[in-house]
């Protein structure tokens, strides 16, 4: 008969899904397993992870920070100091909105009180490569020169009233890097450009649209 090997974390989650009121033995198995271990770091975490996943829902505040059993597979630095099981875990929430870093959270699971507490460490791990650095000043300088001279530039759109729009999508497209990185570059470019053109009487009248002071005054 062929033996099928299953992922230990999946076994623990499946156990939790199948349990009835009389079958809450995952917690008892976890406690029994931990009490047989010496205090300190746990090197082999596979069984601990599976057993903890099987009873994670039983701990108070276990679902805070949008935590659930399926994420326990990322546990690291697992330690047992009776009655507390502690671990660090990498969270990827911010990466869903463009960050390249994963937050590191520290969790303490008290088996006596049946509580799970998250302590946000405010530390991060670089999970994806950083976007290459871009020098904003030369770009701002080129654009300022074109605006002041009234030159055609594929990054600018001139209007009949003498105003000019900065085509940010051509300079920093959103597919040119991570969302937060692109947004930050655009903001820095706006600030640098506004300073440069102000010295020659230009000012921003609305987002990414600049006008010569005397032009806007004439329109008013």
N, C-alpha and C. Protein backbone atom coordinates (compact mmCIF):
# COMPACT_ATOMS: atom_id res chain seq x y z
N UNK A 1 0.86 -1.20 0.00
CA UNK A 1 0.00 0.00 0.00
C UNK A 1 0.89 1.25 0.00
N UNK A 2 0.61 2.17 -0.89
CA UNK A 2 1.43 3.37 -1.03
C UNK A 2 1.12 4.35 0.08
N UNK A 3 2.17 4.92 0.67
CA UNK A 3 2.00 5.91 1.74
C UNK A 3 2.07 7.30 1.14
N UNK A 4 1.10 8.14 1.44
CA UNK A 4 1.04 9.50 0.93
C UNK A 4 1.51 10.45 2.01
N UNK A 5 2.52 11.25 1.73
CA UNK A 5 3.05 12.21 2.69
C UNK A 5 2.35 13.55 2.50
N UNK A 6 1.84 14.11 3.59
CA UNK A 6 1.17 15.39 3.52
C UNK A 6 1.97 16.44 4.27
N UNK A 7 1.80 17.66 3.90
CA UNK A 7 2.45 18.77 4.57
C UNK A 7 1.95 18.83 6.01
N UNK A 8 2.84 18.89 7.02
CA UNK A 8 2.41 18.89 8.42
C UNK A 8 1.51 20.06 8.78
N UNK A 9 1.75 21.24 8.19
CA UNK A 9 0.89 22.39 8.48
C UNK A 9 -0.51 22.13 7.97
N UNK A 10 -0.63 21.58 6.77
CA UNK A 10 -1.96 21.28 6.21
C UNK A 10 -2.68 20.25 7.06
N UNK A 11 -1.95 19.27 7.58
CA UNK A 11 -2.57 18.28 8.46
C UNK A 11 -3.15 18.95 9.70
N UNK A 12 -2.39 19.93 10.25
CA UNK A 12 -2.88 20.61 11.45
C UNK A 12 -4.13 21.41 11.18
N UNK A 13 -4.17 22.13 10.07
CA UNK A 13 -5.35 22.92 9.71
C UNK A 13 -6.54 22.01 9.44
N UNK A 14 -6.31 20.90 8.75
CA UNK A 14 -7.40 19.95 8.47
C UNK A 14 -7.94 19.36 9.76
N UNK A 15 -7.04 19.12 10.71
CA UNK A 15 -7.48 18.60 12.00
C UNK A 15 -8.42 19.58 12.68
N UNK A 16 -8.08 20.86 12.62
CA UNK A 16 -8.94 21.89 13.23
C UNK A 16 -10.30 21.94 12.56
N UNK A 17 -10.34 21.76 11.26
CA UNK A 17 -11.60 21.82 10.53
C UNK A 17 -12.50 20.63 10.85
N UNK A 18 -11.91 19.47 11.21
CA UNK A 18 -12.70 18.27 11.45
C UNK A 18 -13.13 18.10 12.90
N UNK A 19 -12.55 18.90 13.81
CA UNK A 19 -12.80 18.67 15.23
C UNK A 19 -14.23 19.02 15.65
N UNK A 20 -14.78 18.22 16.55
CA UNK A 20 -16.06 18.51 17.19
C UNK A 20 -15.75 18.96 18.61
N UNK A 21 -16.82 19.21 19.42
CA UNK A 21 -16.62 19.67 20.79
C UNK A 21 -15.81 18.65 21.59
N UNK A 22 -16.01 17.35 21.33
CA UNK A 22 -15.32 16.31 22.08
C UNK A 22 -13.92 16.02 21.52
N UNK A 23 -13.60 16.59 20.41
CA UNK A 23 -12.36 16.23 19.75
C UNK A 23 -11.31 17.34 19.78
N UNK A 24 -11.39 18.21 20.81
CA UNK A 24 -10.42 19.30 20.90
C UNK A 24 -9.12 18.79 21.50
N UNK A 25 -8.51 17.79 20.85
CA UNK A 25 -7.29 17.20 21.39
C UNK A 25 -6.04 17.81 20.80
N UNK A 26 -6.16 18.68 19.80
CA UNK A 26 -4.97 19.29 19.21
C UNK A 26 -4.22 20.12 20.26
N UNK A 27 -4.97 20.84 21.09
CA UNK A 27 -4.34 21.64 22.14
C UNK A 27 -3.64 20.74 23.14
N UNK A 28 -4.30 19.64 23.52
CA UNK A 28 -3.70 18.71 24.48
C UNK A 28 -2.43 18.09 23.91
N UNK A 29 -2.46 17.75 22.63
CA UNK A 29 -1.28 17.18 21.98
C UNK A 29 -0.14 18.20 21.92
N UNK A 30 -0.50 19.45 21.63
CA UNK A 30 0.51 20.51 21.58
C UNK A 30 1.17 20.67 22.94
N UNK A 31 0.35 20.74 23.97
CA UNK A 31 0.88 20.94 25.32
C UNK A 31 1.76 19.76 25.75
N UNK A 32 1.30 18.55 25.44
CA UNK A 32 2.07 17.35 25.79
C UNK A 32 3.41 17.35 25.07
N UNK A 33 3.38 17.72 23.80
CA UNK A 33 4.62 17.74 23.02
C UNK A 33 5.60 18.77 23.56
N UNK A 34 5.09 19.97 23.89
CA UNK A 34 5.97 21.03 24.38
C UNK A 34 6.54 20.72 25.76
N UNK A 35 5.74 20.12 26.61
CA UNK A 35 6.21 19.80 27.96
C UNK A 35 7.32 18.76 27.95
N UNK A 36 7.40 18.01 26.86
CA UNK A 36 8.46 17.01 26.74
C UNK A 36 9.76 17.61 26.21
N UNK A 37 9.69 18.87 25.81
CA UNK A 37 10.87 19.54 25.26
C UNK A 37 11.60 20.34 26.33
N UNK A 38 12.90 20.52 26.13
CA UNK A 38 13.66 21.37 27.03
C UNK A 38 13.37 22.83 26.70
N UNK A 39 13.52 23.68 27.69
CA UNK A 39 13.31 25.11 27.47
C UNK A 39 14.35 25.65 26.51
N UNK A 40 13.96 26.67 25.75
CA UNK A 40 14.89 27.30 24.83
C UNK A 40 14.43 27.19 23.39
N UNK A 41 15.35 27.37 22.47
CA UNK A 41 15.02 27.36 21.05
C UNK A 41 14.62 25.97 20.58
N UNK A 42 13.60 25.93 19.71
CA UNK A 42 13.14 24.68 19.12
C UNK A 42 13.69 24.61 17.71
N UNK A 43 14.56 23.66 17.47
CA UNK A 43 15.21 23.56 16.16
C UNK A 43 14.28 22.92 15.13
N UNK A 44 13.65 21.82 15.49
CA UNK A 44 12.74 21.13 14.58
C UNK A 44 11.33 21.59 14.87
N UNK A 45 10.80 22.44 14.01
CA UNK A 45 9.51 23.09 14.31
C UNK A 45 8.32 22.49 13.57
N UNK A 46 8.54 21.50 12.73
CA UNK A 46 7.45 20.98 11.90
C UNK A 46 6.26 20.50 12.70
N UNK A 47 6.49 19.66 13.73
CA UNK A 47 5.37 19.13 14.51
C UNK A 47 4.71 20.21 15.36
N UNK A 48 5.54 21.10 15.92
CA UNK A 48 4.97 22.20 16.72
C UNK A 48 4.06 23.06 15.85
N UNK A 49 4.51 23.36 14.64
CA UNK A 49 3.72 24.18 13.72
C UNK A 49 2.39 23.51 13.40
N UNK A 50 2.43 22.20 13.12
CA UNK A 50 1.20 21.48 12.77
C UNK A 50 0.23 21.43 13.94
N UNK A 51 0.73 21.16 15.14
CA UNK A 51 -0.14 21.07 16.31
C UNK A 51 -0.71 22.44 16.67
N UNK A 52 0.12 23.49 16.57
CA UNK A 52 -0.35 24.84 16.88
C UNK A 52 -1.42 25.27 15.87
N UNK A 53 -1.21 24.94 14.59
CA UNK A 53 -2.20 25.29 13.57
C UNK A 53 -3.53 24.60 13.84
N UNK A 54 -3.46 23.38 14.38
CA UNK A 54 -4.69 22.64 14.64
C UNK A 54 -5.56 23.21 15.74
N UNK A 55 -4.96 24.02 16.64
CA UNK A 55 -5.75 24.58 17.74
C UNK A 55 -5.63 26.11 17.81
N UNK A 56 -5.09 26.72 16.77
CA UNK A 56 -4.86 28.16 16.79
C UNK A 56 -6.13 28.93 17.11
N UNK A 57 -7.26 28.47 16.59
CA UNK A 57 -8.53 29.18 16.78
C UNK A 57 -8.98 29.18 18.23
N UNK A 58 -8.38 28.35 19.08
CA UNK A 58 -8.80 28.25 20.48
C UNK A 58 -8.17 29.34 21.35
N UNK A 59 -7.15 30.00 20.85
CA UNK A 59 -6.45 31.00 21.66
C UNK A 59 -7.11 32.37 21.53
N UNK A 60 -7.25 33.06 22.65
CA UNK A 60 -7.82 34.40 22.67
C UNK A 60 -6.90 35.34 21.91
N UNK A 61 -7.50 36.16 21.05
CA UNK A 61 -6.79 37.16 20.23
C UNK A 61 -5.89 36.55 19.16
N UNK A 62 -6.10 35.28 18.86
CA UNK A 62 -5.28 34.62 17.84
C UNK A 62 -5.51 35.22 16.46
N UNK A 63 -6.68 35.81 16.24
CA UNK A 63 -6.99 36.36 14.92
C UNK A 63 -6.74 37.85 14.81
N UNK A 64 -6.11 38.43 15.83
CA UNK A 64 -5.74 39.84 15.71
C UNK A 64 -4.66 39.98 14.67
N UNK A 65 -4.52 41.17 14.11
CA UNK A 65 -3.55 41.43 13.04
C UNK A 65 -3.83 40.56 11.81
N UNK A 66 -5.08 40.12 11.66
CA UNK A 66 -5.48 39.27 10.53
C UNK A 66 -4.66 37.99 10.44
N UNK A 67 -4.31 37.49 11.59
CA UNK A 67 -3.52 36.27 11.66
C UNK A 67 -4.45 35.05 11.58
N UNK A 68 -3.97 33.99 10.94
CA UNK A 68 -4.72 32.74 10.94
C UNK A 68 -3.75 31.58 10.83
N UNK A 69 -4.26 30.37 11.04
CA UNK A 69 -3.41 29.18 11.12
C UNK A 69 -2.60 28.95 9.86
N UNK A 70 -3.15 29.32 8.73
CA UNK A 70 -2.46 29.07 7.47
C UNK A 70 -1.16 29.83 7.32
N UNK A 71 -0.95 30.87 8.15
CA UNK A 71 0.28 31.65 8.05
C UNK A 71 1.39 31.14 8.97
N UNK A 72 1.07 30.17 9.80
CA UNK A 72 2.05 29.69 10.77
C UNK A 72 3.22 28.95 10.12
N UNK A 73 3.08 28.60 8.87
CA UNK A 73 4.18 27.95 8.18
C UNK A 73 5.40 28.84 8.04
N UNK A 74 5.24 30.16 8.29
CA UNK A 74 6.36 31.10 8.21
C UNK A 74 6.99 31.38 9.58
N UNK A 75 6.65 30.56 10.58
CA UNK A 75 7.22 30.74 11.91
C UNK A 75 8.74 30.57 11.89
N UNK A 76 9.43 31.42 12.65
CA UNK A 76 10.88 31.31 12.80
C UNK A 76 11.28 31.74 14.19
N UNK A 77 12.50 31.44 14.59
CA UNK A 77 12.98 31.74 15.95
C UNK A 77 11.98 31.25 16.99
N UNK A 78 11.57 30.01 16.87
CA UNK A 78 10.57 29.43 17.77
C UNK A 78 11.25 29.05 19.09
N UNK A 79 10.67 29.51 20.20
CA UNK A 79 11.24 29.24 21.53
C UNK A 79 10.15 28.78 22.48
N UNK A 80 10.54 27.93 23.40
CA UNK A 80 9.62 27.40 24.41
C UNK A 80 10.18 27.74 25.78
N UNK A 81 9.49 28.64 26.45
CA UNK A 81 9.81 29.01 27.83
C UNK A 81 8.52 28.82 28.62
N UNK A 82 8.30 27.63 29.18
CA UNK A 82 7.02 27.28 29.80
C UNK A 82 6.47 28.39 30.69
N UNK A 83 5.22 28.74 30.52
CA UNK A 83 4.22 28.11 29.63
C UNK A 83 4.05 28.85 28.29
N UNK A 84 5.07 29.61 27.88
CA UNK A 84 4.93 30.47 26.70
C UNK A 84 5.72 29.91 25.51
N UNK A 85 5.03 29.80 24.40
CA UNK A 85 5.66 29.46 23.13
C UNK A 85 5.74 30.77 22.33
N UNK A 86 6.93 31.14 21.91
CA UNK A 86 7.09 32.40 21.19
C UNK A 86 7.72 32.14 19.83
N UNK A 87 7.42 33.03 18.90
CA UNK A 87 8.00 32.91 17.57
C UNK A 87 7.92 34.25 16.86
N UNK A 88 8.69 34.35 15.81
CA UNK A 88 8.65 35.53 14.94
C UNK A 88 8.09 35.08 13.60
N UNK A 89 7.36 35.99 12.95
CA UNK A 89 6.74 35.62 11.68
C UNK A 89 6.78 36.80 10.71
N UNK A 90 6.99 36.48 9.47
CA UNK A 90 7.07 37.49 8.42
C UNK A 90 5.68 37.73 7.86
N UNK A 91 5.24 38.99 7.85
CA UNK A 91 3.92 39.34 7.34
C UNK A 91 4.05 40.16 6.06
N UNK A 92 3.20 39.86 5.09
CA UNK A 92 3.35 40.45 3.76
C UNK A 92 2.25 41.43 3.39
N UNK A 93 1.49 41.91 4.37
CA UNK A 93 0.37 42.80 4.07
C UNK A 93 0.75 44.04 3.29
N UNK A 94 1.82 44.70 3.72
CA UNK A 94 2.24 45.95 3.06
C UNK A 94 2.72 45.71 1.63
N UNK A 95 3.18 44.49 1.36
CA UNK A 95 3.67 44.19 0.02
C UNK A 95 2.54 44.18 -1.00
N UNK A 96 1.32 43.99 -0.50
CA UNK A 96 0.17 44.00 -1.40
C UNK A 96 -0.15 45.38 -1.93
N UNK A 97 0.40 46.42 -1.30
CA UNK A 97 0.16 47.79 -1.76
C UNK A 97 1.45 48.44 -2.25
N UNK A 98 2.42 47.61 -2.64
CA UNK A 98 3.60 48.15 -3.30
C UNK A 98 4.88 48.18 -2.51
N UNK A 99 4.86 47.81 -1.22
CA UNK A 99 6.09 47.83 -0.45
C UNK A 99 6.98 46.66 -0.86
N UNK A 100 8.28 46.83 -0.70
CA UNK A 100 9.22 45.74 -0.99
C UNK A 100 9.67 45.06 0.30
N UNK A 101 9.14 45.52 1.45
CA UNK A 101 9.56 44.98 2.73
C UNK A 101 8.43 44.24 3.43
N UNK A 102 8.80 43.21 4.18
CA UNK A 102 7.84 42.44 4.96
C UNK A 102 7.99 42.82 6.44
N UNK A 103 6.86 43.00 7.11
CA UNK A 103 6.90 43.32 8.53
C UNK A 103 7.23 42.06 9.33
N UNK A 104 8.03 42.21 10.38
CA UNK A 104 8.33 41.09 11.28
C UNK A 104 7.54 41.28 12.58
N UNK A 105 6.74 40.29 12.91
CA UNK A 105 5.93 40.34 14.13
C UNK A 105 6.41 39.28 15.12
N UNK A 106 6.38 39.62 16.40
CA UNK A 106 6.72 38.68 17.46
C UNK A 106 5.44 38.24 18.16
N UNK A 107 5.24 36.94 18.25
CA UNK A 107 4.04 36.39 18.88
C UNK A 107 4.42 35.59 20.11
N UNK A 108 3.57 35.71 21.15
CA UNK A 108 3.73 34.93 22.38
C UNK A 108 2.43 34.18 22.64
N UNK A 109 2.52 32.88 22.71
CA UNK A 109 1.34 32.04 22.94
C UNK A 109 1.45 31.44 24.34
N UNK A 110 0.54 31.84 25.23
CA UNK A 110 0.54 31.37 26.62
C UNK A 110 -0.40 30.18 26.72
N UNK A 111 0.16 29.00 26.97
CA UNK A 111 -0.66 27.79 27.02
C UNK A 111 -1.50 27.71 28.28
N UNK A 112 -1.07 28.34 29.36
CA UNK A 112 -1.86 28.32 30.60
C UNK A 112 -3.10 29.21 30.46
N UNK A 113 -2.91 30.38 29.90
CA UNK A 113 -4.02 31.32 29.75
C UNK A 113 -4.78 31.15 28.44
N UNK A 114 -4.21 30.38 27.54
CA UNK A 114 -4.76 30.16 26.19
C UNK A 114 -4.96 31.50 25.48
N UNK A 115 -3.90 32.29 25.48
CA UNK A 115 -3.93 33.59 24.80
C UNK A 115 -2.80 33.65 23.77
N UNK A 116 -3.01 34.43 22.75
CA UNK A 116 -1.98 34.67 21.74
C UNK A 116 -1.81 36.18 21.62
N UNK A 117 -0.62 36.67 21.82
CA UNK A 117 -0.37 38.11 21.83
C UNK A 117 0.67 38.47 20.78
N UNK A 118 0.34 39.48 19.99
CA UNK A 118 1.26 39.96 18.97
C UNK A 118 1.95 41.23 19.45
N UNK A 119 3.25 41.26 19.34
CA UNK A 119 4.03 42.45 19.66
C UNK A 119 4.69 42.90 18.37
N UNK A 120 4.19 43.99 17.81
CA UNK A 120 4.73 44.50 16.55
C UNK A 120 6.10 45.12 16.81
N UNK A 121 7.10 44.56 16.16
CA UNK A 121 8.48 44.95 16.45
C UNK A 121 8.92 46.22 15.72
N UNK A 122 8.12 46.66 14.75
CA UNK A 122 8.48 47.81 13.91
C UNK A 122 9.78 47.56 13.16
N UNK A 123 10.10 46.31 12.95
CA UNK A 123 11.26 45.96 12.15
C UNK A 123 10.79 45.27 10.88
N UNK A 124 11.58 45.37 9.84
CA UNK A 124 11.18 44.87 8.53
C UNK A 124 12.31 44.08 7.89
N UNK A 125 11.94 43.28 6.92
CA UNK A 125 12.91 42.51 6.15
C UNK A 125 12.71 42.84 4.68
N UNK A 126 13.81 43.05 3.99
CA UNK A 126 13.73 43.34 2.56
C UNK A 126 13.38 42.06 1.83
N UNK A 127 12.11 41.92 1.43
CA UNK A 127 11.63 40.68 0.82
C UNK A 127 11.80 40.67 -0.69
N UNK A 128 11.78 41.86 -1.29
CA UNK A 128 11.96 41.99 -2.74
C UNK A 128 13.10 42.96 -3.00
N UNK A 129 13.75 42.85 -4.15
CA UNK A 129 14.86 43.77 -4.45
C UNK A 129 14.37 45.22 -4.44
N UNK A 130 15.20 46.10 -3.92
CA UNK A 130 14.87 47.52 -3.95
C UNK A 130 14.91 48.04 -5.38
N UNK A 131 14.05 49.00 -5.64
CA UNK A 131 14.09 49.63 -6.96
C UNK A 131 15.38 50.44 -7.08
N UNK A 132 15.93 50.50 -8.27
CA UNK A 132 17.16 51.25 -8.48
C UNK A 132 16.92 52.74 -8.22
N UNK A 133 17.93 53.38 -7.63
CA UNK A 133 17.80 54.79 -7.31
C UNK A 133 17.75 55.66 -8.56
N UNK A 134 16.99 56.75 -8.48
CA UNK A 134 16.86 57.69 -9.59
C UNK A 134 17.20 59.09 -9.07
N UNK A 135 18.08 59.79 -9.76
CA UNK A 135 18.41 61.16 -9.38
C UNK A 135 17.34 62.09 -9.95
N UNK A 136 16.64 62.76 -9.07
CA UNK A 136 15.53 63.63 -9.46
C UNK A 136 16.02 64.97 -10.00
N UNK A 137 17.10 65.49 -9.44
CA UNK A 137 17.55 66.84 -9.77
C UNK A 137 17.81 67.05 -11.27
N UNK A 138 18.54 66.16 -11.95
CA UNK A 138 18.77 66.38 -13.39
C UNK A 138 17.48 66.39 -14.21
N UNK A 139 16.53 65.54 -13.85
CA UNK A 139 15.26 65.51 -14.57
C UNK A 139 14.51 66.81 -14.36
N UNK A 140 14.45 67.25 -13.10
CA UNK A 140 13.77 68.51 -12.79
C UNK A 140 14.44 69.67 -13.51
N UNK A 141 15.77 69.64 -13.59
CA UNK A 141 16.49 70.71 -14.28
C UNK A 141 16.16 70.78 -15.76
N UNK A 142 16.11 69.62 -16.41
CA UNK A 142 15.78 69.58 -17.84
C UNK A 142 14.37 70.10 -18.09
N UNK A 143 13.42 69.68 -17.26
CA UNK A 143 12.04 70.12 -17.43
C UNK A 143 11.92 71.62 -17.18
N UNK A 144 12.60 72.11 -16.16
CA UNK A 144 12.55 73.55 -15.85
C UNK A 144 13.10 74.37 -17.01
N UNK A 145 14.19 73.91 -17.60
CA UNK A 145 14.78 74.63 -18.73
C UNK A 145 13.81 74.68 -19.91
N UNK A 146 13.14 73.57 -20.17
CA UNK A 146 12.18 73.51 -21.28
C UNK A 146 10.98 74.42 -21.03
N UNK A 147 10.51 74.43 -19.79
CA UNK A 147 9.35 75.27 -19.46
C UNK A 147 9.72 76.75 -19.59
N UNK A 148 10.84 77.14 -19.02
CA UNK A 148 11.24 78.54 -19.04
C UNK A 148 11.50 79.03 -20.47
N UNK A 149 12.07 78.15 -21.30
CA UNK A 149 12.38 78.51 -22.69
C UNK A 149 11.19 78.33 -23.62
N UNK A 150 10.14 77.70 -23.13
CA UNK A 150 8.96 77.45 -23.96
C UNK A 150 9.21 76.41 -25.04
N UNK A 151 10.13 75.47 -24.78
CA UNK A 151 10.50 74.47 -25.77
C UNK A 151 9.54 73.29 -25.77
N UNK A 152 9.45 72.64 -26.93
CA UNK A 152 8.70 71.39 -27.02
C UNK A 152 9.48 70.29 -26.32
N UNK A 153 8.79 69.46 -25.60
CA UNK A 153 9.40 68.36 -24.86
C UNK A 153 8.34 67.27 -24.75
N UNK A 154 8.69 66.04 -25.07
CA UNK A 154 7.71 64.97 -25.04
C UNK A 154 7.15 64.73 -23.65
N UNK A 155 7.80 65.25 -22.64
CA UNK A 155 7.33 65.10 -21.26
C UNK A 155 6.41 66.24 -20.83
N UNK A 156 6.20 67.21 -21.74
CA UNK A 156 5.37 68.37 -21.45
C UNK A 156 4.25 68.48 -22.47
N UNK A 157 3.13 69.03 -22.01
CA UNK A 157 2.03 69.33 -22.92
C UNK A 157 1.68 70.80 -22.77
N UNK A 158 1.92 71.57 -23.86
CA UNK A 158 1.63 72.99 -23.84
C UNK A 158 0.18 73.25 -24.25
N UNK A 159 -0.45 74.20 -23.57
CA UNK A 159 -1.83 74.57 -23.87
C UNK A 159 -1.87 75.96 -24.52
N UNK A 160 -2.98 76.24 -25.18
CA UNK A 160 -3.11 77.51 -25.89
C UNK A 160 -3.07 78.72 -24.99
N UNK A 161 -3.38 78.56 -23.72
CA UNK A 161 -3.38 79.70 -22.81
C UNK A 161 -2.00 79.95 -22.19
N UNK A 162 -1.02 79.19 -22.65
CA UNK A 162 0.34 79.40 -22.15
C UNK A 162 0.71 78.55 -20.96
N UNK A 163 -0.24 77.79 -20.46
CA UNK A 163 0.09 76.89 -19.35
C UNK A 163 0.70 75.61 -19.90
N UNK A 164 1.35 74.88 -19.02
CA UNK A 164 2.01 73.64 -19.43
C UNK A 164 1.76 72.55 -18.39
N UNK A 165 1.48 71.36 -18.87
CA UNK A 165 1.24 70.22 -17.98
C UNK A 165 2.44 69.27 -18.02
N UNK A 166 2.83 68.80 -16.84
CA UNK A 166 3.89 67.81 -16.74
C UNK A 166 3.26 66.43 -16.93
N UNK A 167 3.72 65.68 -17.91
CA UNK A 167 3.17 64.35 -18.19
C UNK A 167 3.90 63.31 -17.33
N UNK A 168 3.47 63.22 -16.09
CA UNK A 168 4.13 62.32 -15.14
C UNK A 168 4.12 60.87 -15.61
N UNK A 169 3.08 60.48 -16.31
CA UNK A 169 2.98 59.09 -16.76
C UNK A 169 4.09 58.73 -17.76
N UNK A 170 4.63 59.74 -18.44
CA UNK A 170 5.73 59.48 -19.36
C UNK A 170 7.08 59.50 -18.65
N UNK A 171 7.14 60.23 -17.55
CA UNK A 171 8.40 60.33 -16.82
C UNK A 171 8.57 59.16 -15.87
N UNK A 172 7.56 58.91 -15.06
CA UNK A 172 7.57 57.80 -14.12
C UNK A 172 6.28 57.00 -14.27
N UNK A 173 6.19 56.11 -15.25
CA UNK A 173 4.99 55.27 -15.40
C UNK A 173 4.82 54.38 -14.17
N UNK A 174 3.59 54.02 -13.86
CA UNK A 174 3.36 53.19 -12.68
C UNK A 174 3.93 51.78 -12.84
N UNK A 175 4.18 51.36 -14.08
CA UNK A 175 4.79 50.04 -14.26
C UNK A 175 6.31 50.10 -14.29
N UNK A 176 6.87 51.27 -13.91
CA UNK A 176 8.32 51.43 -13.92
C UNK A 176 8.95 51.07 -12.59
N UNK A 177 8.14 50.68 -11.62
CA UNK A 177 8.67 50.32 -10.31
C UNK A 177 7.53 50.02 -9.36
N UNK A 178 7.88 49.79 -8.09
CA UNK A 178 6.87 49.53 -7.08
C UNK A 178 6.04 50.79 -6.84
N UNK A 179 4.78 50.61 -6.52
CA UNK A 179 3.84 51.73 -6.43
C UNK A 179 4.34 52.83 -5.50
N UNK A 180 4.79 52.45 -4.30
CA UNK A 180 5.25 53.45 -3.35
C UNK A 180 6.48 54.19 -3.88
N UNK A 181 7.34 53.46 -4.59
CA UNK A 181 8.54 54.07 -5.14
C UNK A 181 8.19 55.10 -6.21
N UNK A 182 7.29 54.74 -7.12
CA UNK A 182 6.89 55.65 -8.19
C UNK A 182 6.21 56.88 -7.61
N UNK A 183 5.32 56.67 -6.65
CA UNK A 183 4.62 57.80 -6.03
C UNK A 183 5.61 58.74 -5.37
N UNK A 184 6.60 58.19 -4.67
CA UNK A 184 7.61 59.01 -4.02
C UNK A 184 8.44 59.80 -5.01
N UNK A 185 8.79 59.17 -6.13
CA UNK A 185 9.58 59.87 -7.15
C UNK A 185 8.79 61.03 -7.74
N UNK A 186 7.52 60.81 -8.00
CA UNK A 186 6.69 61.87 -8.57
C UNK A 186 6.59 63.05 -7.60
N UNK A 187 6.43 62.76 -6.33
CA UNK A 187 6.31 63.84 -5.34
C UNK A 187 7.61 64.65 -5.25
N UNK A 188 8.74 63.96 -5.29
CA UNK A 188 10.02 64.67 -5.21
C UNK A 188 10.27 65.52 -6.45
N UNK A 189 9.85 64.99 -7.61
CA UNK A 189 10.02 65.76 -8.85
C UNK A 189 9.17 67.02 -8.82
N UNK A 190 7.93 66.91 -8.37
CA UNK A 190 7.06 68.09 -8.29
C UNK A 190 7.68 69.16 -7.41
N UNK A 191 8.20 68.75 -6.25
CA UNK A 191 8.77 69.72 -5.32
C UNK A 191 10.00 70.39 -5.91
N UNK A 192 10.88 69.60 -6.54
CA UNK A 192 12.10 70.16 -7.13
C UNK A 192 11.78 71.09 -8.29
N UNK A 193 10.84 70.69 -9.12
CA UNK A 193 10.48 71.50 -10.30
C UNK A 193 9.82 72.81 -9.88
N UNK A 194 8.97 72.75 -8.89
CA UNK A 194 8.29 73.95 -8.43
C UNK A 194 9.30 75.00 -7.96
N UNK A 195 10.34 74.55 -7.26
CA UNK A 195 11.36 75.47 -6.78
C UNK A 195 12.15 76.10 -7.93
N UNK A 196 12.51 75.27 -8.92
CA UNK A 196 13.31 75.76 -10.04
C UNK A 196 12.58 76.78 -10.91
N UNK A 197 11.32 76.50 -11.24
CA UNK A 197 10.60 77.40 -12.14
C UNK A 197 10.11 78.66 -11.43
N UNK A 198 9.96 78.58 -10.10
CA UNK A 198 9.50 79.75 -9.35
C UNK A 198 10.47 80.90 -9.48
N UNK A 199 11.76 80.59 -9.66
CA UNK A 199 12.77 81.64 -9.80
C UNK A 199 12.57 82.46 -11.06
N UNK A 200 11.79 81.93 -12.02
CA UNK A 200 11.54 82.63 -13.28
C UNK A 200 10.05 82.98 -13.45
N UNK A 201 9.34 83.07 -12.35
CA UNK A 201 7.97 83.56 -12.39
C UNK A 201 6.91 82.52 -12.71
N UNK A 202 7.25 81.23 -12.67
CA UNK A 202 6.26 80.19 -12.92
C UNK A 202 5.78 79.62 -11.59
N UNK A 203 4.52 79.22 -11.58
CA UNK A 203 3.98 78.60 -10.38
C UNK A 203 2.98 77.52 -10.76
N UNK A 204 2.80 76.58 -9.85
CA UNK A 204 1.85 75.48 -10.09
C UNK A 204 0.45 75.97 -9.75
N UNK A 205 -0.47 75.93 -10.71
CA UNK A 205 -1.82 76.42 -10.46
C UNK A 205 -2.78 75.27 -10.14
N UNK A 206 -2.43 74.06 -10.53
CA UNK A 206 -3.14 72.85 -10.13
C UNK A 206 -2.19 71.68 -10.36
N UNK A 207 -2.57 70.49 -9.94
CA UNK A 207 -1.65 69.36 -9.97
C UNK A 207 -0.99 69.19 -11.34
N UNK A 208 0.33 69.35 -11.34
CA UNK A 208 1.18 69.13 -12.52
C UNK A 208 0.95 70.14 -13.65
N UNK A 209 0.25 71.24 -13.38
CA UNK A 209 0.03 72.28 -14.38
C UNK A 209 0.67 73.58 -13.88
N UNK A 210 1.54 74.16 -14.72
CA UNK A 210 2.26 75.37 -14.34
C UNK A 210 1.88 76.53 -15.27
N UNK A 211 1.95 77.70 -14.71
CA UNK A 211 1.60 78.90 -15.47
C UNK A 211 2.57 80.03 -15.12
N UNK A 212 2.89 80.84 -16.13
CA UNK A 212 3.69 82.04 -15.90
C UNK A 212 2.84 83.01 -15.11
N UNK A 213 3.39 83.65 -14.12
CA UNK A 213 2.63 84.53 -13.23
C UNK A 213 1.82 85.57 -14.01
N UNK A 214 2.44 86.23 -14.98
CA UNK A 214 1.73 87.27 -15.71
C UNK A 214 0.61 86.69 -16.58
N UNK A 215 0.77 85.41 -17.03
CA UNK A 215 -0.28 84.78 -17.82
C UNK A 215 -1.52 84.54 -17.01
N UNK A 216 -1.35 83.98 -15.80
CA UNK A 216 -2.51 83.71 -14.95
C UNK A 216 -3.16 84.99 -14.50
N UNK A 217 -2.34 86.04 -14.26
CA UNK A 217 -2.90 87.32 -13.82
C UNK A 217 -3.73 87.95 -14.93
N UNK A 218 -3.24 87.76 -16.17
CA UNK A 218 -4.00 88.33 -17.31
C UNK A 218 -5.35 87.65 -17.46
N UNK A 219 -5.34 86.32 -17.18
CA UNK A 219 -6.62 85.57 -17.29
C UNK A 219 -7.59 86.00 -16.22
N UNK A 220 -7.07 86.36 -15.06
CA UNK A 220 -7.95 86.79 -13.97
C UNK A 220 -8.54 88.16 -14.28
